[in-house]
């Protein structure tokens, strides 16, 4: 605990037909001037996320003994980030509306 103070993340890794998929929701630092810190938060979350493999035997779920330390940038096939990421679109409103 206490890795990110009041910011942080929760994630789950699913393996579907041999493809690992990470769903992660995060709350990153706010304010337009904090891009460097936001990027650091995301990297830190990715490097410190811990996932425990689970196997199904006789209707009981149990952890395998080894803990997997997953860096979603290189050990997961596909990662989806959600949440209050606090990144900003820096353009005029009419330009942003055209993108939408």
PDB file of N, CA and C in Angstrom:
ATOM      1  N   UNK A   1       0.804  -1.192   0.000  1.00  0.00           N
ATOM      2  CA  UNK A   1       0.000   0.000   0.000  1.00  0.00           C
ATOM      3  C   UNK A   1       0.848   1.257   0.000  1.00  0.00           C
ATOM      4  N   UNK A   2       0.224   2.376  -0.259  1.00  0.00           N
ATOM      5  CA  UNK A   2       0.892   3.653  -0.194  1.00  0.00           C
ATOM      6  C   UNK A   2       1.840   3.960  -1.327  1.00  0.00           C
ATOM      7  N   UNK A   3       1.798   3.183  -2.392  1.00  0.00           N
ATOM      8  CA  UNK A   3       2.729   3.400  -3.508  1.00  0.00           C
ATOM      9  C   UNK A   3       2.450   4.729  -4.205  1.00  0.00           C
ATOM     10  N   UNK A   4       1.187   5.085  -4.368  1.00  0.00           N
ATOM     11  CA  UNK A   4       0.830   6.249  -5.167  1.00  0.00           C
ATOM     12  C   UNK A   4       0.156   7.362  -4.344  1.00  0.00           C
ATOM     13  N   UNK A   5       0.224   7.318  -3.038  1.00  0.00           N
ATOM     14  CA  UNK A   5      -0.480   8.280  -2.184  1.00  0.00           C
ATOM     15  C   UNK A   5      -1.963   8.216  -2.465  1.00  0.00           C
ATOM     16  N   UNK A   6      -2.571   9.278  -3.015  1.00  0.00           N
ATOM     17  CA  UNK A   6      -4.002   9.247  -3.271  1.00  0.00           C
ATOM     18  C   UNK A   6      -4.329   8.928  -4.731  1.00  0.00           C
ATOM     19  N   UNK A   7      -3.353   8.562  -5.510  1.00  0.00           N
ATOM     20  CA  UNK A   7      -3.577   8.151  -6.895  1.00  0.00           C
ATOM     21  C   UNK A   7      -3.241   6.673  -6.994  1.00  0.00           C
ATOM     22  N   UNK A   8      -3.754   6.020  -8.019  1.00  0.00           N
ATOM     23  CA  UNK A   8      -3.440   4.607  -8.135  1.00  0.00           C
ATOM     24  C   UNK A   8      -4.245   3.941  -9.220  1.00  0.00           C
ATOM     25  N   UNK A   9      -4.317   2.627  -9.142  1.00  0.00           N
ATOM     26  CA  UNK A   9      -4.965   1.863 -10.202  1.00  0.00           C
ATOM     27  C   UNK A   9      -5.409   0.504  -9.694  1.00  0.00           C
ATOM     28  N   UNK A  10      -6.337  -0.068 -10.438  1.00  0.00           N
ATOM     29  CA  UNK A  10      -6.796  -1.428 -10.223  1.00  0.00           C
ATOM     30  C   UNK A  10      -6.841  -2.082 -11.586  1.00  0.00           C
ATOM     31  N   UNK A  11      -6.386  -3.327 -11.669  1.00  0.00           N
ATOM     32  CA  UNK A  11      -6.395  -3.987 -12.965  1.00  0.00           C
ATOM     33  C   UNK A  11      -6.676  -5.469 -12.848  1.00  0.00           C
ATOM     34  N   UNK A  12      -6.998  -6.044 -13.986  1.00  0.00           N
ATOM     35  CA  UNK A  12      -7.221  -7.484 -14.072  1.00  0.00           C
ATOM     36  C   UNK A  12      -6.672  -7.965 -15.410  1.00  0.00           C
ATOM     37  N   UNK A  13      -6.045  -9.126 -15.388  1.00  0.00           N
ATOM     38  CA  UNK A  13      -5.543  -9.739 -16.617  1.00  0.00           C
ATOM     39  C   UNK A  13      -6.392 -10.970 -16.903  1.00  0.00           C
ATOM     40  N   UNK A  14      -6.889 -11.038 -18.123  1.00  0.00           N
ATOM     41  CA  UNK A  14      -7.628 -12.206 -18.589  1.00  0.00           C
ATOM     42  C   UNK A  14      -6.836 -12.862 -19.704  1.00  0.00           C
ATOM     43  N   UNK A  15      -6.874 -14.166 -19.766  1.00  0.00           N
ATOM     44  CA  UNK A  15      -6.289 -14.873 -20.894  1.00  0.00           C
ATOM     45  C   UNK A  15      -7.435 -15.546 -21.635  1.00  0.00           C
ATOM     46  N   UNK A  16      -7.649 -15.099 -22.857  1.00  0.00           N
ATOM     47  CA  UNK A  16      -8.745 -15.601 -23.678  1.00  0.00           C
ATOM     48  C   UNK A  16      -8.155 -16.204 -24.941  1.00  0.00           C
ATOM     49  N   UNK A  17      -8.349 -17.491 -25.113  1.00  0.00           N
ATOM     50  CA  UNK A  17      -7.803 -18.210 -26.265  1.00  0.00           C
ATOM     51  C   UNK A  17      -6.316 -17.927 -26.455  1.00  0.00           C
ATOM     52  N   UNK A  18      -5.570 -17.921 -25.351  1.00  0.00           N
ATOM     53  CA  UNK A  18      -4.131 -17.740 -25.418  1.00  0.00           C
ATOM     54  C   UNK A  18      -3.648 -16.305 -25.529  1.00  0.00           C
ATOM     55  N   UNK A  19      -4.562 -15.339 -25.546  1.00  0.00           N
ATOM     56  CA  UNK A  19      -4.199 -13.929 -25.631  1.00  0.00           C
ATOM     57  C   UNK A  19      -4.421 -13.276 -24.275  1.00  0.00           C
ATOM     58  N   UNK A  20      -3.366 -12.654 -23.731  1.00  0.00           N
ATOM     59  CA  UNK A  20      -3.498 -11.977 -22.440  1.00  0.00           C
ATOM     60  C   UNK A  20      -3.978 -10.546 -22.660  1.00  0.00           C
ATOM     61  N   UNK A  21      -5.005 -10.174 -21.898  1.00  0.00           N
ATOM     62  CA  UNK A  21      -5.625  -8.852 -22.020  1.00  0.00           C
ATOM     63  C   UNK A  21      -5.670  -8.215 -20.638  1.00  0.00           C
ATOM     64  N   UNK A  22      -5.115  -7.011 -20.540  1.00  0.00           N
ATOM     65  CA  UNK A  22      -5.114  -6.262 -19.292  1.00  0.00           C
ATOM     66  C   UNK A  22      -6.143  -5.145 -19.373  1.00  0.00           C
ATOM     67  N   UNK A  23      -7.019  -5.088 -18.384  1.00  0.00           N
ATOM     68  CA  UNK A  23      -7.937  -3.969 -18.209  1.00  0.00           C
ATOM     69  C   UNK A  23      -7.492  -3.273 -16.932  1.00  0.00           C
ATOM     70  N   UNK A  24      -7.169  -2.001 -17.059  1.00  0.00           N
ATOM     71  CA  UNK A  24      -6.685  -1.258 -15.902  1.00  0.00           C
ATOM     72  C   UNK A  24      -7.399   0.086 -15.827  1.00  0.00           C
ATOM     73  N   UNK A  25      -7.836   0.429 -14.638  1.00  0.00           N
ATOM     74  CA  UNK A  25      -8.441   1.743 -14.425  1.00  0.00           C
ATOM     75  C   UNK A  25      -7.547   2.494 -13.445  1.00  0.00           C
ATOM     76  N   UNK A  26      -7.288   3.749 -13.756  1.00  0.00           N
ATOM     77  CA  UNK A  26      -6.316   4.514 -12.971  1.00  0.00           C
ATOM     78  C   UNK A  26      -6.792   5.937 -12.718  1.00  0.00           C
ATOM     79  N   UNK A  27      -6.255   6.522 -11.667  1.00  0.00           N
ATOM     80  CA  UNK A  27      -6.460   7.934 -11.381  1.00  0.00           C
ATOM     81  C   UNK A  27      -5.077   8.569 -11.356  1.00  0.00           C
ATOM     82  N   UNK A  28      -4.774   9.348 -12.393  1.00  0.00           N
ATOM     83  CA  UNK A  28      -3.464   9.978 -12.519  1.00  0.00           C
ATOM     84  C   UNK A  28      -3.532  11.443 -12.100  1.00  0.00           C
ATOM     85  N   UNK A  29      -2.379  12.054 -11.926  1.00  0.00           N
ATOM     86  CA  UNK A  29      -2.308  13.453 -11.472  1.00  0.00           C
ATOM     87  C   UNK A  29      -3.019  14.401 -12.436  1.00  0.00           C
ATOM     88  N   UNK A  30      -3.591  15.435 -11.864  1.00  0.00           N
ATOM     89  CA  UNK A  30      -4.346  16.429 -12.636  1.00  0.00           C
ATOM     90  C   UNK A  30      -3.462  17.605 -13.035  1.00  0.00           C
ATOM     91  N   UNK A  31      -4.034  18.530 -13.780  1.00  0.00           N
ATOM     92  CA  UNK A  31      -3.462  19.808 -14.215  1.00  0.00           C
ATOM     93  C   UNK A  31      -2.606  19.661 -15.480  1.00  0.00           C
ATOM     94  N   UNK A  32      -2.802  20.594 -16.373  1.00  0.00           N
ATOM     95  CA  UNK A  32      -2.134  20.559 -17.684  1.00  0.00           C
ATOM     96  C   UNK A  32      -0.617  20.566 -17.570  1.00  0.00           C
ATOM     97  N   UNK A  33      -0.085  21.164 -16.536  1.00  0.00           N
ATOM     98  CA  UNK A  33       1.372  21.261 -16.394  1.00  0.00           C
ATOM     99  C   UNK A  33       2.009  19.977 -15.841  1.00  0.00           C
ATOM    100  N   UNK A  34       1.226  18.975 -15.513  1.00  0.00           N
ATOM    101  CA  UNK A  34       1.735  17.777 -14.851  1.00  0.00           C
ATOM    102  C   UNK A  34       1.861  16.568 -15.785  1.00  0.00           C
ATOM    103  N   UNK A  35       2.102  16.797 -17.081  1.00  0.00           N
ATOM    104  CA  UNK A  35       2.195  15.695 -18.044  1.00  0.00           C
ATOM    105  C   UNK A  35       3.339  14.748 -17.677  1.00  0.00           C
ATOM    106  N   UNK A  36       4.493  15.284 -17.344  1.00  0.00           N
ATOM    107  CA  UNK A  36       5.644  14.453 -16.988  1.00  0.00           C
ATOM    108  C   UNK A  36       5.313  13.562 -15.782  1.00  0.00           C
ATOM    109  N   UNK A  37       4.665  14.134 -14.785  1.00  0.00           N
ATOM    110  CA  UNK A  37       4.294  13.381 -13.590  1.00  0.00           C
ATOM    111  C   UNK A  37       3.236  12.321 -13.907  1.00  0.00           C
ATOM    112  N   UNK A  38       2.277  12.673 -14.778  1.00  0.00           N
ATOM    113  CA  UNK A  38       1.245  11.712 -15.202  1.00  0.00           C
ATOM    114  C   UNK A  38       1.883  10.522 -15.909  1.00  0.00           C
ATOM    115  N   UNK A  39       2.824  10.805 -16.816  1.00  0.00           N
ATOM    116  CA  UNK A  39       3.522   9.738 -17.522  1.00  0.00           C
ATOM    117  C   UNK A  39       4.287   8.859 -16.534  1.00  0.00           C
ATOM    118  N   UNK A  40       4.933   9.475 -15.547  1.00  0.00           N
ATOM    119  CA  UNK A  40       5.653   8.731 -14.519  1.00  0.00           C
ATOM    120  C   UNK A  40       4.687   7.836 -13.740  1.00  0.00           C
ATOM    121  N   UNK A  41       3.512   8.376 -13.391  1.00  0.00           N
ATOM    122  CA  UNK A  41       2.504   7.577 -12.678  1.00  0.00           C
ATOM    123  C   UNK A  41       2.115   6.346 -13.479  1.00  0.00           C
ATOM    124  N   UNK A  42       1.856   6.526 -14.769  1.00  0.00           N
ATOM    125  CA  UNK A  42       1.447   5.404 -15.623  1.00  0.00           C
ATOM    126  C   UNK A  42       2.547   4.354 -15.716  1.00  0.00           C
ATOM    127  N   UNK A  43       3.787   4.792 -15.865  1.00  0.00           N
ATOM    128  CA  UNK A  43       4.918   3.854 -15.924  1.00  0.00           C
ATOM    129  C   UNK A  43       5.058   3.117 -14.598  1.00  0.00           C
ATOM    130  N   UNK A  44       4.923   3.850 -13.527  1.00  0.00           N
ATOM    131  CA  UNK A  44       5.046   3.235 -12.198  1.00  0.00           C
ATOM    132  C   UNK A  44       3.942   2.206 -11.961  1.00  0.00           C
ATOM    133  N   UNK A  45       2.726   2.519 -12.367  1.00  0.00           N
ATOM    134  CA  UNK A  45       1.621   1.577 -12.240  1.00  0.00           C
ATOM    135  C   UNK A  45       1.928   0.315 -13.038  1.00  0.00           C
ATOM    136  N   UNK A  46       2.361   0.491 -14.280  1.00  0.00           N
ATOM    137  CA  UNK A  46       2.651  -0.657 -15.148  1.00  0.00           C
ATOM    138  C   UNK A  46       3.756  -1.535 -14.569  1.00  0.00           C
ATOM    139  N   UNK A  47       4.765  -0.924 -13.983  1.00  0.00           N
ATOM    140  CA  UNK A  47       5.892  -1.706 -13.461  1.00  0.00           C
ATOM    141  C   UNK A  47       5.619  -2.333 -12.107  1.00  0.00           C
ATOM    142  N   UNK A  48       4.704  -1.771 -11.332  1.00  0.00           N
ATOM    143  CA  UNK A  48       4.461  -2.283  -9.989  1.00  0.00           C
ATOM    144  C   UNK A  48       3.166  -3.076  -9.859  1.00  0.00           C
ATOM    145  N   UNK A  49       2.426  -3.198 -10.936  1.00  0.00           N
ATOM    146  CA  UNK A  49       1.201  -3.997 -10.890  1.00  0.00           C
ATOM    147  C   UNK A  49       1.583  -5.450 -10.643  1.00  0.00           C
ATOM    148  N   UNK A  50       0.852  -6.106  -9.765  1.00  0.00           N
ATOM    149  CA  UNK A  50       1.108  -7.512  -9.475  1.00  0.00           C
ATOM    150  C   UNK A  50      -0.168  -8.303  -9.709  1.00  0.00           C
ATOM    151  N   UNK A  51      -0.025  -9.366 -10.460  1.00  0.00           N
ATOM    152  CA  UNK A  51      -1.155 -10.226 -10.771  1.00  0.00           C
ATOM    153  C   UNK A  51      -0.813 -11.645 -10.362  1.00  0.00           C
ATOM    154  N   UNK A  52      -1.760 -12.328  -9.787  1.00  0.00           N
ATOM    155  CA  UNK A  52      -1.539 -13.680  -9.303  1.00  0.00           C
ATOM    156  C   UNK A  52      -2.297 -14.652 -10.201  1.00  0.00           C
ATOM    157  N   UNK A  53      -1.596 -15.615 -10.790  1.00  0.00           N
ATOM    158  CA  UNK A  53      -2.296 -16.590 -11.619  1.00  0.00           C
ATOM    159  C   UNK A  53      -3.206 -17.464 -10.754  1.00  0.00           C
ATOM    160  N   UNK A  54      -4.363 -17.776 -11.280  1.00  0.00           N
ATOM    161  CA  UNK A  54      -5.342 -18.583 -10.557  1.00  0.00           C
ATOM    162  C   UNK A  54      -5.689 -19.776 -11.423  1.00  0.00           C
ATOM    163  N   UNK A  55      -5.846 -20.925 -10.787  1.00  0.00           N
ATOM    164  CA  UNK A  55      -6.262 -22.101 -11.545  1.00  0.00           C
ATOM    165  C   UNK A  55      -7.524 -22.667 -10.917  1.00  0.00           C
ATOM    166  N   UNK A  56      -8.318 -23.316 -11.737  1.00  0.00           N
ATOM    167  CA  UNK A  56      -9.580 -23.879 -11.289  1.00  0.00           C
ATOM    168  C   UNK A  56      -9.398 -25.378 -11.115  1.00  0.00           C
ATOM    169  N   UNK A  57      -9.574 -25.858  -9.897  1.00  0.00           N
ATOM    170  CA  UNK A  57      -9.511 -27.291  -9.625  1.00  0.00           C
ATOM    171  C   UNK A  57     -10.627 -27.639  -8.658  1.00  0.00           C
ATOM    172  N   UNK A  58     -11.470 -28.569  -9.056  1.00  0.00           N
ATOM    173  CA  UNK A  58     -12.551 -29.047  -8.188  1.00  0.00           C
ATOM    174  C   UNK A  58     -13.363 -27.902  -7.593  1.00  0.00           C
ATOM    175  N   UNK A  59     -13.672 -26.935  -8.435  1.00  0.00           N
ATOM    176  CA  UNK A  59     -14.492 -25.778  -8.051  1.00  0.00           C
ATOM    177  C   UNK A  59     -13.851 -24.886  -6.993  1.00  0.00           C
ATOM    178  N   UNK A  60     -12.575 -25.027  -6.773  1.00  0.00           N
ATOM    179  CA  UNK A  60     -11.866 -24.158  -5.831  1.00  0.00           C
ATOM    180  C   UNK A  60     -10.861 -23.323  -6.604  1.00  0.00           C
ATOM    181  N   UNK A  61     -10.858 -22.032  -6.363  1.00  0.00           N
ATOM    182  CA  UNK A  61      -9.854 -21.154  -6.945  1.00  0.00           C
ATOM    183  C   UNK A  61      -8.737 -20.985  -5.936  1.00  0.00           C
ATOM    184  N   UNK A  62      -7.514 -21.173  -6.387  1.00  0.00           N
ATOM    185  CA  UNK A  62      -6.393 -20.964  -5.484  1.00  0.00           C
ATOM    186  C   UNK A  62      -5.233 -20.343  -6.236  1.00  0.00           C
ATOM    187  N   UNK A  63      -4.454 -19.579  -5.525  1.00  0.00           N
ATOM    188  CA  UNK A  63      -3.283 -18.941  -6.121  1.00  0.00           C
ATOM    189  C   UNK A  63      -2.179 -19.957  -6.321  1.00  0.00           C
ATOM    190  N   UNK A  64      -1.484 -19.822  -7.417  1.00  0.00           N
ATOM    191  CA  UNK A  64      -0.251 -20.578  -7.575  1.00  0.00           C
ATOM    192  C   UNK A  64       0.782 -19.922  -6.679  1.00  0.00           C
ATOM    193  N   UNK A  65       1.824 -20.626  -6.334  1.00  0.00           N
ATOM    194  CA  UNK A  65       2.807 -20.090  -5.392  1.00  0.00           C
ATOM    195  C   UNK A  65       3.576 -18.906  -5.948  1.00  0.00           C
ATOM    196  N   UNK A  66       3.869 -18.927  -7.238  1.00  0.00           N
ATOM    197  CA  UNK A  66       4.684 -17.840  -7.784  1.00  0.00           C
ATOM    198  C   UNK A  66       3.831 -16.612  -8.069  1.00  0.00           C
ATOM    199  N   UNK A  67       4.371 -15.468  -7.771  1.00  0.00           N
ATOM    200  CA  UNK A  67       3.717 -14.196  -8.052  1.00  0.00           C
ATOM    201  C   UNK A  67       4.267 -13.689  -9.376  1.00  0.00           C
ATOM    202  N   UNK A  68       3.388 -13.168 -10.218  1.00  0.00           N
ATOM    203  CA  UNK A  68       3.832 -12.638 -11.499  1.00  0.00           C
ATOM    204  C   UNK A  68       3.836 -11.120 -11.411  1.00  0.00           C
ATOM    205  N   UNK A  69       4.983 -10.504 -11.622  1.00  0.00           N
ATOM    206  CA  UNK A  69       5.097  -9.051 -11.655  1.00  0.00           C
ATOM    207  C   UNK A  69       5.006  -8.646 -13.124  1.00  0.00           C
ATOM    208  N   UNK A  70       3.881  -8.097 -13.521  1.00  0.00           N
ATOM    209  CA  UNK A  70       3.603  -7.820 -14.925  1.00  0.00           C
ATOM    210  C   UNK A  70       3.887  -6.366 -15.246  1.00  0.00           C
ATOM    211  N   UNK A  71       4.723  -6.119 -16.235  1.00  0.00           N
ATOM    212  CA  UNK A  71       4.861  -4.786 -16.809  1.00  0.00           C
ATOM    213  C   UNK A  71       4.043  -4.841 -18.094  1.00  0.00           C
ATOM    214  N   UNK A  72       2.896  -4.166 -18.089  1.00  0.00           N
ATOM    215  CA  UNK A  72       1.961  -4.321 -19.208  1.00  0.00           C
ATOM    216  C   UNK A  72       2.529  -3.817 -20.528  1.00  0.00           C
ATOM    217  N   UNK A  73       3.657  -3.134 -20.501  1.00  0.00           N
ATOM    218  CA  UNK A  73       4.230  -2.660 -21.762  1.00  0.00           C
ATOM    219  C   UNK A  73       4.967  -3.745 -22.517  1.00  0.00           C
ATOM    220  N   UNK A  74       5.333  -4.834 -21.845  1.00  0.00           N
ATOM    221  CA  UNK A  74       6.067  -5.863 -22.579  1.00  0.00           C
ATOM    222  C   UNK A  74       5.651  -7.306 -22.302  1.00  0.00           C
ATOM    223  N   UNK A  75       4.753  -7.557 -21.365  1.00  0.00           N
ATOM    224  CA  UNK A  75       4.376  -8.935 -21.058  1.00  0.00           C
ATOM    225  C   UNK A  75       2.902  -9.246 -21.286  1.00  0.00           C
ATOM    226  N   UNK A  76       2.151  -8.285 -21.741  1.00  0.00           N
ATOM    227  CA  UNK A  76       0.723  -8.459 -21.995  1.00  0.00           C
ATOM    228  C   UNK A  76       0.487  -8.243 -23.488  1.00  0.00           C
ATOM    229  N   UNK A  77      -0.366  -9.060 -24.076  1.00  0.00           N
ATOM    230  CA  UNK A  77      -0.638  -8.906 -25.506  1.00  0.00           C
ATOM    231  C   UNK A  77      -1.405  -7.626 -25.817  1.00  0.00           C
ATOM    232  N   UNK A  78      -2.359  -7.269 -24.956  1.00  0.00           N
ATOM    233  CA  UNK A  78      -3.199  -6.101 -25.233  1.00  0.00           C
ATOM    234  C   UNK A  78      -3.597  -5.451 -23.909  1.00  0.00           C
ATOM    235  N   UNK A  79      -3.416  -4.136 -23.799  1.00  0.00           N
ATOM    236  CA  UNK A  79      -3.759  -3.417 -22.567  1.00  0.00           C
ATOM    237  C   UNK A  79      -4.741  -2.294 -22.871  1.00  0.00           C
ATOM    238  N   UNK A  80      -5.764  -2.194 -22.037  1.00  0.00           N
ATOM    239  CA  UNK A  80      -6.754  -1.122 -22.139  1.00  0.00           C
ATOM    240  C   UNK A  80      -6.705  -0.309 -20.851  1.00  0.00           C
ATOM    241  N   UNK A  81      -6.444   0.997 -20.986  1.00  0.00           N
ATOM    242  CA  UNK A  81      -6.398   1.895 -19.839  1.00  0.00           C
ATOM    243  C   UNK A  81      -7.681   2.717 -19.807  1.00  0.00           C
ATOM    244  N   UNK A  82      -8.293   2.789 -18.634  1.00  0.00           N
ATOM    245  CA  UNK A  82      -9.511   3.562 -18.409  1.00  0.00           C
ATOM    246  C   UNK A  82      -9.315   4.432 -17.173  1.00  0.00           C
ATOM    247  N   UNK A  83     -10.243   5.323 -16.933  1.00  0.00           N
ATOM    248  CA  UNK A  83     -10.259   6.052 -15.678  1.00  0.00           C
ATOM    249  C   UNK A  83     -10.075   7.546 -15.838  1.00  0.00           C
ATOM    250  N   UNK A  84      -9.704   8.173 -14.745  1.00  0.00           N
ATOM    251  CA  UNK A  84      -9.461   9.608 -14.699  1.00  0.00           C
ATOM    252  C   UNK A  84      -7.982   9.825 -14.982  1.00  0.00           C
ATOM    253  N   UNK A  85      -7.628   9.763 -16.272  1.00  0.00           N
ATOM    254  CA  UNK A  85      -6.221   9.834 -16.671  1.00  0.00           C
ATOM    255  C   UNK A  85      -5.710  11.262 -16.720  1.00  0.00           C
ATOM    256  N   UNK A  86      -6.615  12.227 -16.806  1.00  0.00           N
ATOM    257  CA  UNK A  86      -6.288  13.654 -16.714  1.00  0.00           C
ATOM    258  C   UNK A  86      -5.408  14.205 -17.824  1.00  0.00           C
ATOM    259  N   UNK A  87      -5.350  13.544 -18.970  1.00  0.00           N
ATOM    260  CA  UNK A  87      -4.640  14.134 -20.106  1.00  0.00           C
ATOM    261  C   UNK A  87      -5.536  15.177 -20.747  1.00  0.00           C
ATOM    262  N   UNK A  88      -4.956  16.182 -21.346  1.00  0.00           N
ATOM    263  CA  UNK A  88      -5.695  17.301 -21.914  1.00  0.00           C
ATOM    264  C   UNK A  88      -5.508  17.366 -23.418  1.00  0.00           C
ATOM    265  N   UNK A  89      -6.555  17.776 -24.116  1.00  0.00           N
ATOM    266  CA  UNK A  89      -6.469  18.076 -25.547  1.00  0.00           C
ATOM    267  C   UNK A  89      -6.205  19.565 -25.647  1.00  0.00           C
ATOM    268  N   UNK A  90      -5.061  19.928 -26.210  1.00  0.00           N
ATOM    269  CA  UNK A  90      -4.664  21.330 -26.267  1.00  0.00           C
ATOM    270  C   UNK A  90      -4.910  21.877 -27.670  1.00  0.00           C
ATOM    271  N   UNK A  91      -6.149  22.289 -27.920  1.00  0.00           N
ATOM    272  CA  UNK A  91      -6.490  22.907 -29.199  1.00  0.00           C
ATOM    273  C   UNK A  91      -7.758  23.728 -29.003  1.00  0.00           C
ATOM    274  N   UNK A  92      -8.117  24.462 -30.014  1.00  0.00           N
ATOM    275  CA  UNK A  92      -9.343  25.263 -29.960  1.00  0.00           C
ATOM    276  C   UNK A  92     -10.559  24.344 -29.945  1.00  0.00           C
ATOM    277  N   UNK A  93     -11.632  24.801 -29.331  1.00  0.00           N
ATOM    278  CA  UNK A  93     -12.839  23.992 -29.189  1.00  0.00           C
ATOM    279  C   UNK A  93     -13.395  23.521 -30.525  1.00  0.00           C
ATOM    280  N   UNK A  94     -13.425  24.392 -31.532  1.00  0.00           N
ATOM    281  CA  UNK A  94     -13.986  24.011 -32.833  1.00  0.00           C
ATOM    282  C   UNK A  94     -13.161  22.886 -33.484  1.00  0.00           C
ATOM    283  N   UNK A  95     -11.858  22.891 -33.274  1.00  0.00           N
ATOM    284  CA  UNK A  95     -10.994  21.810 -33.793  1.00  0.00           C
ATOM    285  C   UNK A  95     -11.303  20.511 -33.063  1.00  0.00           C
ATOM    286  N   UNK A  96     -11.429  20.588 -31.738  1.00  0.00           N
ATOM    287  CA  UNK A  96     -11.734  19.392 -30.942  1.00  0.00           C
ATOM    288  C   UNK A  96     -13.095  18.804 -31.324  1.00  0.00           C
ATOM    289  N   UNK A  97     -14.074  19.654 -31.574  1.00  0.00           N
ATOM    290  CA  UNK A  97     -15.397  19.161 -31.963  1.00  0.00           C
ATOM    291  C   UNK A  97     -15.368  18.462 -33.319  1.00  0.00           C
ATOM    292  N   UNK A  98     -14.512  18.898 -34.215  1.00  0.00           N
ATOM    293  CA  UNK A  98     -14.385  18.238 -35.524  1.00  0.00           C
ATOM    294  C   UNK A  98     -13.756  16.854 -35.371  1.00  0.00           C
ATOM    295  N   UNK A  99     -12.838  16.711 -34.421  1.00  0.00           N
ATOM    296  CA  UNK A  99     -12.195  15.411 -34.168  1.00  0.00           C
ATOM    297  C   UNK A  99     -13.220  14.413 -33.637  1.00  0.00           C
ATOM    298  N   UNK A 100     -14.100  14.889 -32.803  1.00  0.00           N
ATOM    299  CA  UNK A 100     -15.103  14.028 -32.174  1.00  0.00           C
ATOM    300  C   UNK A 100     -15.985  13.454 -33.230  1.00  0.00           C
TER     301      UNK A 100
END
